PDB file of N, CA and C in Angstrom:
ATOM      1  N   MET A   1       0.823  -1.084  -0.015  1.00  0.00           N
ATOM      2  CA  MET A   1      -0.060   0.124   0.022  1.00  0.00           C
ATOM      3  C   MET A   1       0.827   1.285  -0.003  1.00  0.00           C
ATOM      4  N   LYS A   2       1.983   1.305   0.827  1.00  0.00           N
ATOM      5  CA  LYS A   2       2.812   2.279   0.837  1.00  0.00           C
ATOM      6  C   LYS A   2       3.386   2.681  -0.471  1.00  0.00           C
ATOM      7  N   ASN A   3       3.873   1.554  -1.121  1.00  0.00           N
ATOM      8  CA  ASN A   3       4.394   1.705  -2.495  1.00  0.00           C
ATOM      9  C   ASN A   3       3.534   2.249  -3.500  1.00  0.00           C
ATOM     10  N   PHE A   4       2.136   1.944  -3.352  1.00  0.00           N
ATOM     11  CA  PHE A   4       1.066   2.320  -4.287  1.00  0.00           C
ATOM     12  C   PHE A   4       0.984   3.902  -4.027  1.00  0.00           C
ATOM     13  N   LEU A   5       0.900   4.290  -2.739  1.00  0.00           N
ATOM     14  CA  LEU A   5       0.762   5.800  -2.522  1.00  0.00           C
ATOM     15  C   LEU A   5       1.948   6.550  -3.078  1.00  0.00           C
ATOM     16  N   LEU A   6       3.240   6.015  -2.948  1.00  0.00           N
ATOM     17  CA  LEU A   6       4.326   6.751  -3.503  1.00  0.00           C
ATOM     18  C   LEU A   6       4.192   6.846  -4.972  1.00  0.00           C
ATOM     19  N   VAL A   7       3.680   5.802  -5.608  1.00  0.00           N
ATOM     20  CA  VAL A   7       3.617   6.016  -7.213  1.00  0.00           C
ATOM     21  C   VAL A   7       2.594   6.957  -7.476  1.00  0.00           C
ATOM     22  N   VAL A   8       1.498   6.923  -6.803  1.00  0.00           N
ATOM     23  CA  VAL A   8       0.387   7.881  -7.191  1.00  0.00           C
ATOM     24  C   VAL A   8       0.957   9.328  -6.743  1.00  0.00           C
ATOM     25  N   ALA A   9       1.561   9.617  -5.759  1.00  0.00           N
ATOM     26  CA  ALA A   9       2.077  10.906  -5.411  1.00  0.00           C
ATOM     27  C   ALA A   9       3.104  11.287  -6.552  1.00  0.00           C
ATOM     28  N   LEU A  10       3.954  10.402  -6.941  1.00  0.00           N
ATOM     29  CA  LEU A  10       4.984  10.767  -8.013  1.00  0.00           C
ATOM     30  C   LEU A  10       4.251  11.066  -9.366  1.00  0.00           C
ATOM     31  N   LEU A  11       3.231  10.393  -9.730  1.00  0.00           N
ATOM     32  CA  LEU A  11       2.615  10.510 -10.870  1.00  0.00           C
ATOM     33  C   LEU A  11       1.756  11.866 -10.852  1.00  0.00           C
ATOM     34  N   LEU A  12       1.274  12.309  -9.689  1.00  0.00           N
ATOM     35  CA  LEU A  12       0.483  13.452  -9.719  1.00  0.00           C
ATOM     36  C   LEU A  12       1.321  14.803  -9.562  1.00  0.00           C
ATOM     37  N   SER A  13       2.490  14.622  -9.159  1.00  0.00           N
ATOM     38  CA  SER A  13       3.396  15.864  -8.898  1.00  0.00           C
ATOM     39  C   SER A  13       4.260  16.042 -10.236  1.00  0.00           C
ATOM     40  N   THR A  14       4.475  17.247 -10.410  1.00  0.00           N
ATOM     41  CA  THR A  14       5.315  17.645 -11.599  1.00  0.00           C
ATOM     42  C   THR A  14       6.687  18.039 -11.106  1.00  0.00           C
ATOM     43  N   SER A  15       6.834  18.838 -10.084  1.00  0.00           N
ATOM     44  CA  SER A  15       8.100  19.371  -9.642  1.00  0.00           C
ATOM     45  C   SER A  15       8.222  19.097  -8.185  1.00  0.00           C
ATOM     46  N   ALA A  16       7.288  18.529  -7.478  1.00  0.00           N
ATOM     47  CA  ALA A  16       7.518  18.352  -6.087  1.00  0.00           C
ATOM     48  C   ALA A  16       8.039  16.889  -5.817  1.00  0.00           C
ATOM     49  N   ILE A  17       8.786  16.765  -4.904  1.00  0.00           N
ATOM     50  CA  ILE A  17       9.374  15.448  -4.478  1.00  0.00           C
ATOM     51  C   ILE A  17       8.374  14.802  -3.407  1.00  0.00           C
ATOM     52  N   ALA A  18       7.945  13.617  -3.502  1.00  0.00           N
ATOM     53  CA  ALA A  18       6.948  13.072  -2.618  1.00  0.00           C
ATOM     54  C   ALA A  18       7.731  12.514  -1.518  1.00  0.00           C
ATOM     55  N   VAL A  19       7.309  12.608  -0.282  1.00  0.00           N
ATOM     56  CA  VAL A  19       7.893  12.038   0.905  1.00  0.00           C
ATOM     57  C   VAL A  19       6.934  11.294   1.520  1.00  0.00           C
ATOM     58  N   VAL A  20       7.135  10.034   1.732  1.00  0.00           N
ATOM     59  CA  VAL A  20       6.297   9.007   2.327  1.00  0.00           C
ATOM     60  C   VAL A  20       6.807   8.673   3.738  1.00  0.00           C
ATOM     61  N   ARG A  21       5.830   9.079   4.696  1.00  0.00           N
ATOM     62  CA  ARG A  21       6.254   8.784   6.175  1.00  0.00           C
ATOM     63  C   ARG A  21       5.398   7.729   6.651  1.00  0.00           C
ATOM     64  N   PRO A  22       5.851   6.746   7.276  1.00  0.00           N
ATOM     65  CA  PRO A  22       5.194   5.646   7.901  1.00  0.00           C
ATOM     66  C   PRO A  22       4.158   6.277   9.066  1.00  0.00           C
ATOM     67  N   VAL A  23       2.938   5.794   9.066  1.00  0.00           N
ATOM     68  CA  VAL A  23       1.940   6.251   9.950  1.00  0.00           C
ATOM     69  C   VAL A  23       2.130   5.397  11.196  1.00  0.00           C
ATOM     70  N   PRO A  24       2.384   5.815  12.410  1.00  0.00           N
ATOM     71  CA  PRO A  24       2.498   4.994  13.625  1.00  0.00           C
ATOM     72  C   PRO A  24       1.053   4.505  13.895  1.00  0.00           C
ATOM     73  N   LEU A  25       0.947   3.189  14.075  1.00  0.00           N
ATOM     74  CA  LEU A  25      -0.343   2.696  14.501  1.00  0.00           C
ATOM     75  C   LEU A  25      -0.292   2.413  15.974  1.00  0.00           C
ATOM     76  N   LEU A  26      -1.427   2.722  16.585  1.00  0.00           N
ATOM     77  CA  LEU A  26      -1.581   2.538  17.955  1.00  0.00           C
ATOM     78  C   LEU A  26      -2.717   1.476  18.052  1.00  0.00           C
ATOM     79  N   CYS A  27      -2.371   0.147  18.276  1.00  0.00           N
ATOM     80  CA  CYS A  27      -3.336  -0.817  18.224  1.00  0.00           C
ATOM     81  C   CYS A  27      -3.557  -1.483  19.557  1.00  0.00           C
ATOM     82  N   SER A  28      -4.754  -1.916  19.866  1.00  0.00           N
ATOM     83  CA  SER A  28      -5.138  -2.626  21.088  1.00  0.00           C
ATOM     84  C   SER A  28      -6.341  -3.343  20.939  1.00  0.00           C
ATOM     85  N   ASP A  29      -6.902  -3.875  22.020  1.00  0.00           N
ATOM     86  CA  ASP A  29      -8.089  -4.583  21.983  1.00  0.00           C
ATOM     87  C   ASP A  29      -9.340  -3.687  21.476  1.00  0.00           C
ATOM     88  N   ALA A  30     -10.059  -4.154  20.537  1.00  0.00           N
ATOM     89  CA  ALA A  30     -11.114  -3.194  19.966  1.00  0.00           C
ATOM     90  C   ALA A  30     -12.088  -2.602  21.011  1.00  0.00           C
ATOM     91  N   LYS A  31     -12.459  -3.404  22.001  1.00  0.00           N
ATOM     92  CA  LYS A  31     -13.335  -2.869  22.917  1.00  0.00           C
ATOM     93  C   LYS A  31     -12.726  -1.702  23.804  1.00  0.00           C
ATOM     94  N   THR A  32     -11.375  -1.841  24.029  1.00  0.00           N
ATOM     95  CA  THR A  32     -10.645  -0.820  24.759  1.00  0.00           C
ATOM     96  C   THR A  32     -10.581   0.424  24.015  1.00  0.00           C
ATOM     97  N   VAL A  33     -10.226   0.301  22.723  1.00  0.00           N
ATOM     98  CA  VAL A  33     -10.135   1.497  21.820  1.00  0.00           C
ATOM     99  C   VAL A  33     -11.501   2.237  21.707  1.00  0.00           C
ATOM    100  N   VAL A  34     -12.471   1.582  21.352  1.00  0.00           N
ATOM    101  CA  VAL A  34     -13.821   2.120  21.236  1.00  0.00           C
ATOM    102  C   VAL A  34     -14.204   2.642  22.572  1.00  0.00           C
ATOM    103  N   GLY A  35     -14.110   1.994  23.752  1.00  0.00           N
ATOM    104  CA  GLY A  35     -14.311   2.380  24.948  1.00  0.00           C
ATOM    105  C   GLY A  35     -13.801   3.695  25.337  1.00  0.00           C
ATOM    106  N   ILE A  36     -12.382   4.019  25.062  1.00  0.00           N
ATOM    107  CA  ILE A  36     -11.705   5.151  25.328  1.00  0.00           C
ATOM    108  C   ILE A  36     -12.306   6.253  24.466  1.00  0.00           C
ATOM    109  N   LEU A  37     -12.532   6.068  23.289  1.00  0.00           N
ATOM    110  CA  LEU A  37     -12.975   7.150  22.335  1.00  0.00           C
ATOM    111  C   LEU A  37     -14.475   7.595  22.814  1.00  0.00           C
ATOM    112  N   GLN A  38     -15.321   6.626  23.297  1.00  0.00           N
ATOM    113  CA  GLN A  38     -16.541   6.904  23.608  1.00  0.00           C
ATOM    114  C   GLN A  38     -16.716   7.565  24.974  1.00  0.00           C
ATOM    115  N   ASP A  39     -15.954   6.954  26.048  1.00  0.00           N
ATOM    116  CA  ASP A  39     -16.030   7.339  27.424  1.00  0.00           C
ATOM    117  C   ASP A  39     -15.288   8.595  27.792  1.00  0.00           C
ATOM    118  N   GLU A  40     -13.946   8.616  27.181  1.00  0.00           N
ATOM    119  CA  GLU A  40     -13.001   9.675  27.616  1.00  0.00           C
ATOM    120  C   GLU A  40     -13.090  10.874  26.703  1.00  0.00           C
ATOM    121  N   TYR A  41     -13.477  10.667  25.327  1.00  0.00           N
ATOM    122  CA  TYR A  41     -13.538  11.780  24.394  1.00  0.00           C
ATOM    123  C   TYR A  41     -14.959  12.154  23.940  1.00  0.00           C
ATOM    124  N   GLY A  42     -15.915  11.348  24.239  1.00  0.00           N
ATOM    125  CA  GLY A  42     -17.266  11.437  23.862  1.00  0.00           C
ATOM    126  C   GLY A  42     -17.507  11.310  22.441  1.00  0.00           C
ATOM    127  N   GLU A  43     -16.597  10.637  21.753  1.00  0.00           N
ATOM    128  CA  GLU A  43     -16.818  10.348  20.267  1.00  0.00           C
ATOM    129  C   GLU A  43     -17.710   9.170  19.992  1.00  0.00           C
ATOM    130  N   GLN A  44     -18.500   9.365  18.933  1.00  0.00           N
ATOM    131  CA  GLN A  44     -19.454   8.293  18.635  1.00  0.00           C
ATOM    132  C   GLN A  44     -19.084   7.884  17.131  1.00  0.00           C
ATOM    133  N   PRO A  45     -19.535   6.674  16.812  1.00  0.00           N
ATOM    134  CA  PRO A  45     -19.368   6.297  15.361  1.00  0.00           C
ATOM    135  C   PRO A  45     -20.050   7.270  14.467  1.00  0.00           C
ATOM    136  N   TYR A  46     -19.467   7.856  13.427  1.00  0.00           N
ATOM    137  CA  TYR A  46     -20.081   8.771  12.512  1.00  0.00           C
ATOM    138  C   TYR A  46     -20.207   8.329  11.057  1.00  0.00           C
ATOM    139  N   TRP A  47     -19.303   7.581  10.841  1.00  0.00           N
ATOM    140  CA  TRP A  47     -19.180   7.021   9.329  1.00  0.00           C
ATOM    141  C   TRP A  47     -18.376   5.669   9.434  1.00  0.00           C
ATOM    142  N   ALA A  48     -18.883   4.765   8.686  1.00  0.00           N
ATOM    143  CA  ALA A  48     -18.147   3.404   8.550  1.00  0.00           C
ATOM    144  C   ALA A  48     -17.969   3.045   7.130  1.00  0.00           C
ATOM    145  N   GLY A  49     -16.987   2.194   6.870  1.00  0.00           N
ATOM    146  CA  GLY A  49     -16.734   1.651   5.615  1.00  0.00           C
ATOM    147  C   GLY A  49     -15.944   0.430   5.515  1.00  0.00           C
ATOM    148  N   LYS A  50     -15.677  -0.099   4.407  1.00  0.00           N
ATOM    149  CA  LYS A  50     -14.748  -1.289   4.310  1.00  0.00           C
ATOM    150  C   LYS A  50     -13.624  -0.937   3.258  1.00  0.00           C
ATOM    151  N   THR A  51     -12.449  -1.490   3.584  1.00  0.00           N
ATOM    152  CA  THR A  51     -11.388  -1.260   2.625  1.00  0.00           C
ATOM    153  C   THR A  51     -11.390  -2.339   1.602  1.00  0.00           C
ATOM    154  N   ALA A  52     -10.520  -2.165   0.652  1.00  0.00           N
ATOM    155  CA  ALA A  52     -10.415  -3.200  -0.490  1.00  0.00           C
ATOM    156  C   ALA A  52     -10.167  -4.618  -0.049  1.00  0.00           C
ATOM    157  N   THR A  53      -9.599  -4.768   1.177  1.00  0.00           N
ATOM    158  CA  THR A  53      -9.324  -5.988   1.805  1.00  0.00           C
ATOM    159  C   THR A  53     -10.457  -6.415   2.765  1.00  0.00           C
ATOM    160  N   ASP A  54     -11.558  -5.763   2.727  1.00  0.00           N
ATOM    161  CA  ASP A  54     -12.681  -5.930   3.633  1.00  0.00           C
ATOM    162  C   ASP A  54     -12.530  -5.690   5.059  1.00  0.00           C
ATOM    163  N   ALA A  55     -11.556  -4.955   5.328  1.00  0.00           N
ATOM    164  CA  ALA A  55     -11.396  -4.527   6.756  1.00  0.00           C
ATOM    165  C   ALA A  55     -12.345  -3.301   7.097  1.00  0.00           C
ATOM    166  N   LYS A  56     -12.766  -3.352   8.285  1.00  0.00           N
ATOM    167  CA  LYS A  56     -13.751  -2.267   8.787  1.00  0.00           C
ATOM    168  C   LYS A  56     -13.025  -1.035   9.218  1.00  0.00           C
ATOM    169  N   THR A  57     -13.455   0.073   8.748  1.00  0.00           N
ATOM    170  CA  THR A  57     -12.986   1.394   9.235  1.00  0.00           C
ATOM    171  C   THR A  57     -14.057   2.266   9.848  1.00  0.00           C
ATOM    172  N   ILE A  58     -13.821   3.028  10.913  1.00  0.00           N
ATOM    173  CA  ILE A  58     -14.906   3.712  11.406  1.00  0.00           C
ATOM    174  C   ILE A  58     -14.349   5.142  11.816  1.00  0.00           C
ATOM    175  N   LEU A  59     -15.000   6.210  11.374  1.00  0.00           N
ATOM    176  CA  LEU A  59     -14.744   7.509  11.833  1.00  0.00           C
ATOM    177  C   LEU A  59     -15.492   7.868  13.050  1.00  0.00           C
ATOM    178  N   PHE A  60     -14.859   8.181  14.114  1.00  0.00           N
ATOM    179  CA  PHE A  60     -15.563   8.557  15.403  1.00  0.00           C
ATOM    180  C   PHE A  60     -15.551  10.007  15.727  1.00  0.00           C
ATOM    181  N   VAL A  61     -16.610  10.701  16.021  1.00  0.00           N
ATOM    182  CA  VAL A  61     -16.722  12.177  16.020  1.00  0.00           C
ATOM    183  C   VAL A  61     -17.334  12.571  17.296  1.00  0.00           C
ATOM    184  N   ASN A  62     -16.884  13.611  17.911  1.00  0.00           N
ATOM    185  CA  ASN A  62     -17.585  14.286  18.934  1.00  0.00           C
ATOM    186  C   ASN A  62     -18.109  15.608  18.387  1.00  0.00           C
ATOM    187  N   THR A  63     -19.351  15.868  17.971  1.00  0.00           N
ATOM    188  CA  THR A  63     -19.930  16.979  17.293  1.00  0.00           C
ATOM    189  C   THR A  63     -19.788  18.295  18.120  1.00  0.00           C
ATOM    190  N   LYS A  64     -19.704  18.046  19.552  1.00  0.00           N
ATOM    191  CA  LYS A  64     -19.682  19.315  20.388  1.00  0.00           C
ATOM    192  C   LYS A  64     -18.232  19.770  20.435  1.00  0.00           C
ATOM    193  N   SER A  65     -17.413  18.998  20.834  1.00  0.00           N
ATOM    194  CA  SER A  65     -15.897  19.438  20.872  1.00  0.00           C
ATOM    195  C   SER A  65     -15.124  19.392  19.631  1.00  0.00           C
ATOM    196  N   LYS A  66     -15.812  18.898  18.627  1.00  0.00           N
ATOM    197  CA  LYS A  66     -15.187  18.917  17.229  1.00  0.00           C
ATOM    198  C   LYS A  66     -14.002  17.920  17.085  1.00  0.00           C
ATOM    199  N   THR A  67     -13.759  16.944  17.994  1.00  0.00           N
ATOM    200  CA  THR A  67     -12.664  15.901  17.981  1.00  0.00           C
ATOM    201  C   THR A  67     -13.160  14.823  17.055  1.00  0.00           C
ATOM    202  N   TRP A  68     -12.084  14.235  16.407  1.00  0.00           N
ATOM    203  CA  TRP A  68     -12.430  12.966  15.642  1.00  0.00           C
ATOM    204  C   TRP A  68     -11.262  12.018  15.663  1.00  0.00           C
ATOM    205  N   SER A  69     -11.511  10.696  15.531  1.00  0.00           N
ATOM    206  CA  SER A  69     -10.533   9.644  15.546  1.00  0.00           C
ATOM    207  C   SER A  69     -11.015   8.718  14.278  1.00  0.00           C
ATOM    208  N   PHE A  70     -10.011   8.184  13.602  1.00  0.00           N
ATOM    209  CA  PHE A  70     -10.233   7.319  12.415  1.00  0.00           C
ATOM    210  C   PHE A  70      -9.595   5.966  12.876  1.00  0.00           C
ATOM    211  N   VAL A  71     -10.375   4.939  12.925  1.00  0.00           N
ATOM    212  CA  VAL A  71     -10.005   3.661  13.465  1.00  0.00           C
ATOM    213  C   VAL A  71     -10.185   2.476  12.447  1.00  0.00           C
ATOM    214  N   TYR A  72      -9.143   1.669  12.380  1.00  0.00           N
ATOM    215  CA  TYR A  72      -9.000   0.550  11.393  1.00  0.00           C
ATOM    216  C   TYR A  72      -9.048  -0.743  12.315  1.00  0.00           C
ATOM    217  N   PHE A  73      -9.939  -1.637  11.899  1.00  0.00           N
ATOM    218  CA  PHE A  73     -10.150  -2.855  12.603  1.00  0.00           C
ATOM    219  C   PHE A  73      -9.329  -3.856  11.846  1.00  0.00           C
ATOM    220  N   MET A  74      -8.402  -4.387  12.546  1.00  0.00           N
ATOM    221  CA  MET A  74      -7.567  -5.461  12.035  1.00  0.00           C
ATOM    222  C   MET A  74      -8.521  -6.762  11.848  1.00  0.00           C
ATOM    223  N   ASP A  75      -9.262  -7.041  12.899  1.00  0.00           N
ATOM    224  CA  ASP A  75     -10.251  -8.192  12.997  1.00  0.00           C
ATOM    225  C   ASP A  75     -11.239  -7.799  14.022  1.00  0.00           C
ATOM    226  N   GLU A  76     -12.117  -8.753  14.401  1.00  0.00           N
ATOM    227  CA  GLU A  76     -13.147  -8.450  15.352  1.00  0.00           C
ATOM    228  C   GLU A  76     -12.531  -8.093  16.840  1.00  0.00           C
ATOM    229  N   LYS A  77     -11.286  -8.361  17.152  1.00  0.00           N
ATOM    230  CA  LYS A  77     -10.761  -8.122  18.425  1.00  0.00           C
ATOM    231  C   LYS A  77      -9.686  -7.110  18.435  1.00  0.00           C
ATOM    232  N   THR A  78      -9.118  -6.643  17.432  1.00  0.00           N
ATOM    233  CA  THR A  78      -8.145  -5.672  17.373  1.00  0.00           C
ATOM    234  C   THR A  78      -8.356  -4.457  16.575  1.00  0.00           C
ATOM    235  N   ALA A  79      -8.271  -3.339  17.088  1.00  0.00           N
ATOM    236  CA  ALA A  79      -8.416  -2.022  16.447  1.00  0.00           C
ATOM    237  C   ALA A  79      -7.207  -1.116  16.602  1.00  0.00           C
ATOM    238  N   CYS A  80      -6.902  -0.343  15.566  1.00  0.00           N
ATOM    239  CA  CYS A  80      -5.863   0.462  15.424  1.00  0.00           C
ATOM    240  C   CYS A  80      -6.282   1.966  15.240  1.00  0.00           C
ATOM    241  N   LEU A  81      -5.748   2.904  15.959  1.00  0.00           N
ATOM    242  CA  LEU A  81      -6.115   4.298  15.752  1.00  0.00           C
ATOM    243  C   LEU A  81      -5.170   4.796  14.779  1.00  0.00           C
ATOM    244  N   MET A  82      -5.691   5.102  13.571  1.00  0.00           N
ATOM    245  CA  MET A  82      -4.886   5.584  12.452  1.00  0.00           C
ATOM    246  C   MET A  82      -4.474   6.941  12.467  1.00  0.00           C
ATOM    247  N   SER A  83      -5.542   7.800  12.939  1.00  0.00           N
ATOM    248  CA  SER A  83      -5.236   9.297  13.016  1.00  0.00           C
ATOM    249  C   SER A  83      -6.352   9.803  13.878  1.00  0.00           C
ATOM    250  N   SER A  84      -6.217  11.130  14.495  1.00  0.00           N
ATOM    251  CA  SER A  84      -7.215  11.672  15.224  1.00  0.00           C
ATOM    252  C   SER A  84      -6.773  13.212  15.204  1.00  0.00           C
ATOM    253  N   GLY A  85      -7.805  14.024  15.412  1.00  0.00           N
ATOM    254  CA  GLY A  85      -7.625  15.446  15.428  1.00  0.00           C
ATOM    255  C   GLY A  85      -8.752  16.352  15.984  1.00  0.00           C
ATOM    256  N   ILE A  86      -8.617  17.533  15.605  1.00  0.00           N
ATOM    257  CA  ILE A  86      -9.555  18.460  16.163  1.00  0.00           C
ATOM    258  C   ILE A  86     -10.140  19.288  14.964  1.00  0.00           C
ATOM    259  N   ASN A  87     -11.177  20.175  15.264  1.00  0.00           N
ATOM    260  CA  ASN A  87     -11.964  20.945  14.259  1.00  0.00           C
ATOM    261  C   ASN A  87     -12.605  20.170  13.101  1.00  0.00           C
ATOM    262  N   PHE A  88     -13.193  19.206  13.452  1.00  0.00           N
ATOM    263  CA  PHE A  88     -14.111  18.335  12.624  1.00  0.00           C
ATOM    264  C   PHE A  88     -15.180  19.262  12.010  1.00  0.00           C
ATOM    265  N   LYS A  89     -15.304  19.238  10.731  1.00  0.00           N
ATOM    266  CA  LYS A  89     -16.419  19.831  10.135  1.00  0.00           C
ATOM    267  C   LYS A  89     -16.816  19.140   8.757  1.00  0.00           C
ATOM    268  N   ILE A  90     -18.047  19.204   8.290  1.00  0.00           N
ATOM    269  CA  ILE A  90     -18.479  18.615   7.130  1.00  0.00           C
ATOM    270  C   ILE A  90     -18.178  19.532   6.019  1.00  0.00           C
ATOM    271  N   VAL A  91     -17.563  19.123   4.929  1.00  0.00           N
ATOM    272  CA  VAL A  91     -17.186  19.895   3.827  1.00  0.00           C
ATOM    273  C   VAL A  91     -18.226  19.801   2.743  1.00  0.00           C
ATOM    274  N   GLU A  92     -18.656  20.846   2.260  1.00  0.00           N
ATOM    275  CA  GLU A  92     -19.717  20.891   1.334  1.00  0.00           C
ATOM    276  C   GLU A  92     -18.997  20.598   0.040  1.00  0.00           C
ATOM    277  N   SER A  93     -18.010  21.170  -0.282  1.00  0.00           N
ATOM    278  CA  SER A  93     -17.095  20.981  -1.626  1.00  0.00           C
ATOM    279  C   SER A  93     -15.701  21.180  -1.262  1.00  0.00           C
ATOM    280  N   ILE A  94     -14.883  20.648  -2.223  1.00  0.00           N
ATOM    281  CA  ILE A  94     -13.451  20.972  -2.158  1.00  0.00           C
ATOM    282  C   ILE A  94     -12.957  22.164  -3.051  1.00  0.00           C
TER     283      ILE A  94
END
């Protein structure tokens, strides 16, 4: 997947050099990850999808504090925090 992203970045750029940095994954028991997001951050499932390899992904959002977390489920028992942040908003167009 990392190689694919590098190829796409190189194809789309004309004068820029693409830098691929590994994303640190924070993985744990799925119930623990979801529990922390819901209980400590007040985030709830907002959007769900499946990857090309049929893995489940869920975007958790706290609509009041505008925090968000993107979680990748390795399987039924293991979840990884891919990314999280602040200032969540719905974009009408890019």
